[in-house]
Amino acid sequence: MKYIPNTLSAMRILLSLLLFLTRPLSTGFFAIYLMCGLSDMLDGYFARKFGAASKFGAALDSLGDFIMILIVLYMMFPYLDLTLTVMLWIGAIGGIRIASGIVSFLKYKTFVFLHTYGNKATGFLLFCFPLLFMFLGVEKAAVFLCVTATISAVEELLIQIKSKKLNQDVISIFHLYPRKNF
């Protein structure tokens, strides 16, 4: 049972690669895409339920998320008629994420992605992007996602800068330090 979370994360990586064999926004694409999303939700749930959470598992989960997002963005890019402003905004978000990774590496000798509520919200919206794109249009969906991603990226960078010790499971900058009882 303790291998289920890591198996699900590894499965997400393989399923993400299978997306290359589908036509973007087709039924096959959405079927595999939904399986990727389901595996992402279940790996963390099972890791907590079976007491199988580990640094390796957290890293594998983050890697699976990263690979899935890159593949989906790569496949959908030809369908996205993004304005220069939105593309520069996405680049700025990427720059903030890279800065956060550099800070974590300099402080803790490892690259980490934090499990903040903001990052979870951004991940959820990234997952929903193909659906948002179809219902809201590319510009509104992109702006909505970029606002959320900017807030979560800045929050993660601030947490990395202000934290005294590595806590990948910090839920927000407001929970960085434990409360003191008076």
Protein backbone atom coordinates (compact mmCIF):
# COMPACT_ATOMS: atom_id res chain seq x y z
CA MET A 1 0.00 0.00 0.00
CA LYS A 2 2.84 2.40 0.72
CA TYR A 3 4.01 2.23 -2.91
CA ILE A 4 0.66 3.38 -4.32
CA PRO A 5 1.38 7.16 -4.07
CA ASN A 6 4.71 6.93 -5.92
CA THR A 7 3.21 4.55 -8.47
CA LEU A 8 0.45 7.08 -9.14
CA SER A 9 3.00 9.89 -9.57
CA ALA A 10 5.07 7.76 -11.96
CA MET A 11 1.89 6.83 -13.83
CA ARG A 12 1.12 10.56 -14.27
CA ILE A 13 4.51 11.03 -15.93
CA LEU A 14 3.86 8.13 -18.33
CA LEU A 15 0.30 9.30 -19.05
CA SER A 16 1.60 12.80 -19.71
CA LEU A 17 3.98 11.40 -22.30
CA LEU A 18 1.04 9.53 -23.88
CA LEU A 19 -0.60 12.91 -24.48
CA PHE A 20 1.88 13.35 -27.35
CA LEU A 21 0.00 10.57 -29.17
CA THR A 22 -3.30 12.46 -29.07
CA ARG A 23 -4.71 15.47 -30.88
CA PRO A 24 -5.05 18.42 -28.46
CA LEU A 25 -8.59 18.97 -27.16
CA SER A 26 -9.78 15.65 -28.61
CA THR A 27 -11.68 13.03 -26.63
CA GLY A 28 -8.51 10.94 -26.23
CA PHE A 29 -6.60 14.01 -25.04
CA PHE A 30 -9.22 14.79 -22.38
CA ALA A 31 -9.46 11.14 -21.27
CA ILE A 32 -5.71 10.90 -20.63
CA TYR A 33 -5.65 14.42 -19.22
CA LEU A 34 -8.37 13.57 -16.69
CA MET A 35 -6.48 10.41 -15.66
CA CYS A 36 -3.40 12.58 -15.07
CA GLY A 37 -5.45 14.92 -12.89
CA LEU A 38 -6.99 12.05 -10.97
CA SER A 39 -3.57 10.53 -10.28
CA ASP A 40 -2.38 13.93 -9.04
CA MET A 41 -5.26 14.19 -6.57
CA LEU A 42 -4.95 10.61 -5.36
CA ASP A 43 -1.18 10.36 -4.85
CA GLY A 44 -1.13 12.91 -2.03
CA TYR A 45 -4.31 11.53 -0.51
CA PHE A 46 -2.92 7.99 -0.38
CA ALA A 47 0.49 9.19 0.86
CA ARG A 48 -1.21 10.79 3.87
CA LYS A 49 -3.71 7.96 4.38
CA PHE A 50 -1.06 5.20 4.36
CA GLY A 51 1.62 7.24 6.15
CA ALA A 52 3.78 6.91 3.05
CA ALA A 53 4.74 10.57 2.59
CA SER A 54 8.42 10.98 1.77
CA LYS A 55 10.83 13.49 0.29
CA PHE A 56 11.22 11.25 -2.73
CA GLY A 57 7.45 11.02 -3.15
CA ALA A 58 7.04 14.79 -2.86
CA ALA A 59 9.79 15.30 -5.45
CA LEU A 60 8.26 12.70 -7.78
CA ASP A 61 4.85 14.37 -7.42
CA SER A 62 6.33 17.79 -8.24
CA LEU A 63 8.22 16.30 -11.21
CA GLY A 64 5.02 14.68 -12.47
CA ASP A 65 3.16 17.98 -12.19
CA PHE A 66 5.96 19.85 -13.96
CA ILE A 67 6.17 17.35 -16.85
CA MET A 68 2.41 17.29 -17.29
CA ILE A 69 2.16 21.09 -17.35
CA LEU A 70 5.04 21.44 -19.83
CA ILE A 71 3.59 18.84 -22.19
CA VAL A 72 0.09 20.28 -22.08
CA LEU A 73 1.35 23.83 -22.63
CA TYR A 74 3.55 22.65 -25.49
CA MET A 75 0.63 20.84 -27.12
CA MET A 76 -1.87 23.65 -26.62
CA PHE A 77 0.46 26.52 -27.56
CA PRO A 78 -0.48 26.42 -31.28
CA TYR A 79 -4.16 26.78 -30.26
CA LEU A 80 -3.50 29.74 -28.00
CA ASP A 81 -3.51 33.13 -29.64
CA LEU A 82 -1.89 34.87 -26.69
CA THR A 83 -1.17 38.58 -26.73
CA LEU A 84 2.38 39.77 -26.23
CA THR A 85 1.34 41.13 -22.82
CA VAL A 86 0.14 37.71 -21.64
CA MET A 87 3.27 35.98 -23.01
CA LEU A 88 5.50 38.49 -21.18
CA TRP A 89 3.40 38.00 -18.05
CA ILE A 90 3.88 34.23 -18.26
CA GLY A 91 7.61 34.81 -18.72
CA ALA A 92 7.67 37.03 -15.62
CA ILE A 93 5.88 34.34 -13.60
CA GLY A 94 8.48 31.84 -14.82
CA GLY A 95 11.23 34.24 -13.78
CA ILE A 96 9.77 34.55 -10.28
CA ARG A 97 9.55 30.74 -10.04
CA ILE A 98 13.18 30.42 -11.15
CA ALA A 99 14.23 33.02 -8.56
CA SER A 100 12.37 31.04 -5.89
CA GLY A 101 14.19 27.88 -6.97
CA ILE A 102 17.54 29.65 -6.82
CA VAL A 103 16.79 30.96 -3.31
CA SER A 104 15.77 27.48 -2.13
CA PHE A 105 18.92 25.98 -3.64
CA LEU A 106 21.18 28.59 -2.06
CA LYS A 107 19.53 28.23 1.36
CA TYR A 108 18.79 24.49 1.47
CA LYS A 109 20.93 22.97 -1.30
CA THR A 110 17.82 21.63 -3.04
CA PHE A 111 15.19 22.86 -5.45
CA VAL A 112 11.73 22.65 -3.92
CA PHE A 113 8.19 23.51 -4.86
CA LEU A 114 6.11 24.47 -1.85
CA HIS A 115 2.66 23.00 -1.23
CA THR A 116 0.96 26.33 -0.46
CA TYR A 117 -2.72 26.93 -1.00
CA GLY A 118 -1.77 29.43 -3.69
CA ASN A 119 0.29 26.84 -5.55
CA LYS A 120 -2.53 24.29 -5.20
CA ALA A 121 -5.01 26.84 -6.59
CA THR A 122 -2.67 27.63 -9.48
CA GLY A 123 -2.17 23.93 -10.17
CA PHE A 124 -5.93 23.38 -10.15
CA LEU A 125 -6.49 26.27 -12.55
CA LEU A 126 -3.68 25.02 -14.78
CA PHE A 127 -5.39 21.65 -14.79
CA CYS A 128 -8.71 23.32 -15.65
CA PHE A 129 -7.15 25.56 -18.31
CA PRO A 130 -8.20 23.49 -21.34
CA LEU A 131 -11.79 23.64 -20.09
CA LEU A 132 -11.54 27.33 -19.15
CA PHE A 133 -10.03 27.99 -22.57
CA MET A 134 -13.01 26.35 -24.28
CA PHE A 135 -15.65 28.18 -22.19
CA LEU A 136 -14.13 31.60 -21.44
CA GLY A 137 -11.88 32.09 -24.43
CA VAL A 138 -8.13 32.19 -24.36
CA GLU A 139 -7.65 35.78 -23.17
CA LYS A 140 -9.97 35.66 -20.16
CA ALA A 141 -8.75 32.18 -19.15
CA ALA A 142 -5.10 33.26 -19.44
CA VAL A 143 -5.59 36.45 -17.42
CA PHE A 144 -7.50 34.58 -14.70
CA LEU A 145 -4.75 31.98 -14.49
CA CYS A 146 -1.93 34.54 -14.62
CA VAL A 147 -3.37 36.57 -11.74
CA THR A 148 -3.52 33.47 -9.55
CA ALA A 149 -0.09 32.24 -10.69
CA THR A 150 1.50 35.63 -10.02
CA ILE A 151 0.16 35.77 -6.47
CA SER A 152 1.28 32.21 -5.71
CA ALA A 153 4.72 32.70 -7.30
CA VAL A 154 5.39 35.89 -5.34
CA GLU A 155 4.15 34.21 -2.15
CA GLU A 156 6.47 31.23 -2.71
CA LEU A 157 9.45 33.51 -3.35
CA LEU A 158 8.72 35.50 -0.17
CA ILE A 159 8.38 32.29 1.85
CA GLN A 160 11.70 31.02 0.46
CA ILE A 161 13.37 34.32 1.36
CA LYS A 162 11.83 34.69 4.85
CA SER A 163 11.83 31.08 6.05
CA LYS A 164 14.44 29.99 8.55
CA LYS A 165 14.11 26.28 7.76
CA LEU A 166 12.79 24.26 4.85
CA ASN A 167 9.12 23.34 5.19
CA GLN A 168 7.77 22.16 1.85
CA ASP A 169 4.29 21.79 3.35
CA VAL A 170 3.85 25.41 4.52
CA ILE A 171 0.32 26.37 3.45
CA SER A 172 0.79 30.14 3.13
CA ILE A 173 3.05 33.00 4.08
CA PHE A 174 0.65 33.68 6.96
CA HIS A 175 1.53 30.27 8.42
CA LEU A 176 5.28 30.60 8.09
CA TYR A 177 5.92 30.89 11.80
CA PRO A 178 3.91 29.21 14.58
CA ARG A 179 1.81 31.50 16.78
CA LYS A 180 3.10 32.38 20.18
CA ASN A 181 0.68 32.10 23.06
CA PHE A 182 0.55 35.12 25.29
